Amino acid sequence: MTDVFLTVCTVVGMVTLYTLVAGSLVVWVLRLLRRRRARLAGRLAGGAPMGIDRRARSWDELPEWVSQDREWAAAVVVLGSASIAERTAGHVDFAERQVDWTGLRRSADEWDLHARTLVEVADALAHARSYGPRNDQYPAQPVPDPSDRFHPAP
């Protein structure tokens, strides 16, 4: 009799444990799907709209408004590149969309050439500076097709 009681208790315990684990897994998957669907719909999982006033707090949270502020977007894309993102994150105030350029340049002085170059490019893009020739000074010229026998190259 004791063996039967022990067997029944073991089976009931295993079924309870299985139900708890399976239920937790289902709830986790449903929450994950709801968050993904909300993000794709342009809203946060809590229901708040992801508009221009929502501020990112990390590189992964940058929303659509980045495309509306070209200088900020350019700086964010370059400073958020995988090779320097961890080092630059401390100089970027995501909530205010500002970069501590002075502090970032001081820190970058100790970095390798490639990282410093990325910081310089981000600074130039953020402040809409150009270091090369302007396109209007050198208009595009059509390139003749070498296979075109009716219009040979000069």
Protein backbone atom coordinates (compact mmCIF):
# COMPACT_ATOMS: atom_id res chain seq x y z
CA MET A 1 0.00 0.00 0.00
CA THR A 2 2.81 2.39 0.82
CA ASP A 3 4.46 1.70 -2.52
CA VAL A 4 1.26 2.57 -4.39
CA PHE A 5 0.86 5.81 -2.41
CA LEU A 6 4.49 6.74 -3.07
CA THR A 7 4.10 6.01 -6.80
CA VAL A 8 0.92 8.14 -7.04
CA CYS A 9 2.59 11.05 -5.22
CA THR A 10 5.61 10.82 -7.50
CA VAL A 11 3.46 10.84 -10.64
CA VAL A 12 1.34 13.76 -9.39
CA GLY A 13 4.49 15.71 -8.50
CA MET A 14 6.04 15.07 -11.90
CA VAL A 15 2.85 16.16 -13.70
CA THR A 16 2.70 19.32 -11.58
CA LEU A 17 6.32 20.14 -12.26
CA TYR A 18 5.87 19.47 -16.00
CA THR A 19 2.80 21.75 -16.10
CA LEU A 20 4.65 24.51 -14.29
CA VAL A 21 7.66 24.37 -16.64
CA ALA A 22 5.52 24.12 -19.80
CA GLY A 23 3.25 26.97 -18.66
CA SER A 24 6.22 29.21 -17.87
CA LEU A 25 7.70 28.51 -21.28
CA VAL A 26 4.42 29.31 -23.04
CA VAL A 27 4.04 32.60 -21.13
CA TRP A 28 7.64 33.57 -21.95
CA VAL A 29 7.16 32.85 -25.67
CA LEU A 30 3.87 34.78 -25.79
CA ARG A 31 5.47 37.82 -24.14
CA LEU A 32 8.37 37.67 -26.56
CA LEU A 33 6.00 37.53 -29.53
CA ARG A 34 3.90 40.41 -28.18
CA ARG A 35 6.99 42.59 -27.71
CA ARG A 36 8.24 41.80 -31.21
CA ARG A 37 4.83 42.54 -32.73
CA ALA A 38 4.60 45.81 -30.79
CA ARG A 39 8.06 46.87 -31.92
CA LEU A 40 7.24 46.06 -35.54
CA ALA A 41 4.03 48.06 -35.23
CA GLY A 42 6.05 51.07 -34.01
CA ARG A 43 5.00 50.90 -30.39
CA LEU A 44 6.71 49.87 -27.20
CA ALA A 45 5.57 46.71 -25.43
CA GLY A 46 3.86 48.83 -22.75
CA GLY A 47 1.66 50.49 -25.37
CA ALA A 48 3.43 53.86 -25.54
CA PRO A 49 4.04 55.10 -29.08
CA MET A 50 7.59 55.03 -30.40
CA GLY A 51 7.53 58.58 -31.70
CA ILE A 52 9.97 61.42 -31.93
CA ASP A 53 9.85 62.07 -28.17
CA ARG A 54 10.96 58.60 -27.12
CA ARG A 55 14.66 58.71 -26.25
CA ALA A 56 17.01 55.77 -26.69
CA ARG A 57 19.24 54.81 -23.82
CA SER A 58 21.58 52.56 -25.81
CA TRP A 59 22.66 51.85 -29.38
CA ASP A 60 20.11 49.05 -29.70
CA GLU A 61 17.13 51.28 -28.89
CA LEU A 62 17.51 53.86 -31.64
CA PRO A 63 14.06 54.39 -33.17
CA GLU A 64 12.87 55.77 -36.50
CA TRP A 65 13.35 59.45 -35.60
CA VAL A 66 17.06 59.02 -36.19
CA SER A 67 16.37 59.39 -39.90
CA GLN A 68 14.74 62.77 -39.27
CA ASP A 69 17.85 64.34 -37.68
CA ARG A 70 20.56 63.64 -40.23
CA GLU A 71 23.52 65.02 -38.29
CA TRP A 72 22.60 63.11 -35.13
CA ALA A 73 21.93 59.98 -37.17
CA ALA A 74 25.30 60.17 -38.91
CA ALA A 75 27.13 60.61 -35.62
CA VAL A 76 25.17 57.82 -33.97
CA VAL A 77 25.78 55.37 -36.78
CA VAL A 78 29.54 55.98 -36.81
CA LEU A 79 29.97 56.19 -33.03
CA GLY A 80 27.81 53.10 -32.61
CA SER A 81 29.95 50.97 -34.89
CA ALA A 82 30.99 47.70 -33.30
CA SER A 83 34.66 48.61 -33.02
CA ILE A 84 34.15 51.73 -30.86
CA ALA A 85 30.58 51.60 -29.50
CA GLU A 86 31.58 50.57 -25.99
CA ARG A 87 34.21 53.31 -25.76
CA THR A 88 31.97 56.06 -27.16
CA ALA A 89 28.77 55.23 -25.26
CA GLY A 90 29.94 57.13 -22.18
CA HIS A 91 30.27 60.33 -24.22
CA VAL A 92 26.82 60.11 -25.81
CA ASP A 93 23.75 61.45 -24.02
CA PHE A 94 21.01 59.48 -25.77
CA ALA A 95 18.19 61.23 -23.92
CA GLU A 96 19.28 64.70 -25.05
CA ARG A 97 20.75 63.58 -28.39
CA GLN A 98 24.07 65.20 -27.58
CA VAL A 99 27.68 64.09 -27.80
CA ASP A 100 30.47 65.36 -25.54
CA TRP A 101 32.82 65.97 -28.44
CA THR A 102 35.58 67.50 -26.30
CA GLY A 103 35.67 64.55 -23.92
CA LEU A 104 35.33 62.09 -26.76
CA ARG A 105 38.25 63.62 -28.66
CA ARG A 106 40.41 63.56 -25.50
CA SER A 107 39.60 59.90 -24.96
CA ALA A 108 40.15 59.10 -28.63
CA ASP A 109 43.68 60.50 -28.47
CA GLU A 110 44.69 57.28 -26.71
CA TRP A 111 42.94 54.98 -29.19
CA ASP A 112 44.31 53.37 -32.33
CA LEU A 113 44.28 55.23 -35.65
CA HIS A 114 41.13 53.54 -36.97
CA ALA A 115 39.08 54.40 -33.89
CA ARG A 116 40.31 58.02 -33.92
CA THR A 117 39.40 58.27 -37.59
CA LEU A 118 35.87 57.08 -36.86
CA VAL A 119 35.51 59.75 -34.17
CA GLU A 120 36.76 62.43 -36.57
CA VAL A 121 34.35 61.28 -39.28
CA ALA A 122 31.45 61.26 -36.82
CA ASP A 123 32.37 64.77 -35.68
CA ALA A 124 32.53 66.02 -39.28
CA LEU A 125 29.19 64.42 -40.13
CA ALA A 126 27.51 65.70 -36.99
CA HIS A 127 28.60 69.25 -37.69
CA ALA A 128 27.96 69.00 -41.46
CA ARG A 129 31.58 69.67 -42.40
CA SER A 130 33.18 68.48 -45.58
CA TYR A 131 36.87 67.83 -46.03
CA GLY A 132 36.91 66.87 -49.70
CA PRO A 133 35.99 68.60 -52.95
CA ARG A 134 32.37 69.54 -53.33
CA ASN A 135 30.36 67.68 -55.95
CA ASP A 136 29.34 70.91 -57.73
CA GLN A 137 33.02 71.72 -58.37
CA TYR A 138 33.54 68.40 -60.10
CA PRO A 139 30.33 67.42 -61.93
CA ALA A 140 29.91 63.83 -62.97
CA GLN A 141 31.07 62.97 -66.46
CA PRO A 142 29.55 60.12 -68.44
CA VAL A 143 31.91 57.21 -68.80
CA PRO A 144 32.02 55.84 -72.36
CA ASP A 145 31.20 52.19 -72.82
CA PRO A 146 34.20 50.44 -74.42
CA SER A 147 31.90 47.97 -76.16
CA ASP A 148 29.95 50.79 -77.90
CA ARG A 149 31.44 50.88 -81.40
CA PHE A 150 29.10 53.66 -82.57
CA HIS A 151 30.31 56.13 -79.93
CA PRO A 152 34.00 55.42 -79.37
CA ALA A 153 35.88 56.97 -76.50
CA PRO A 154 37.84 60.15 -77.39
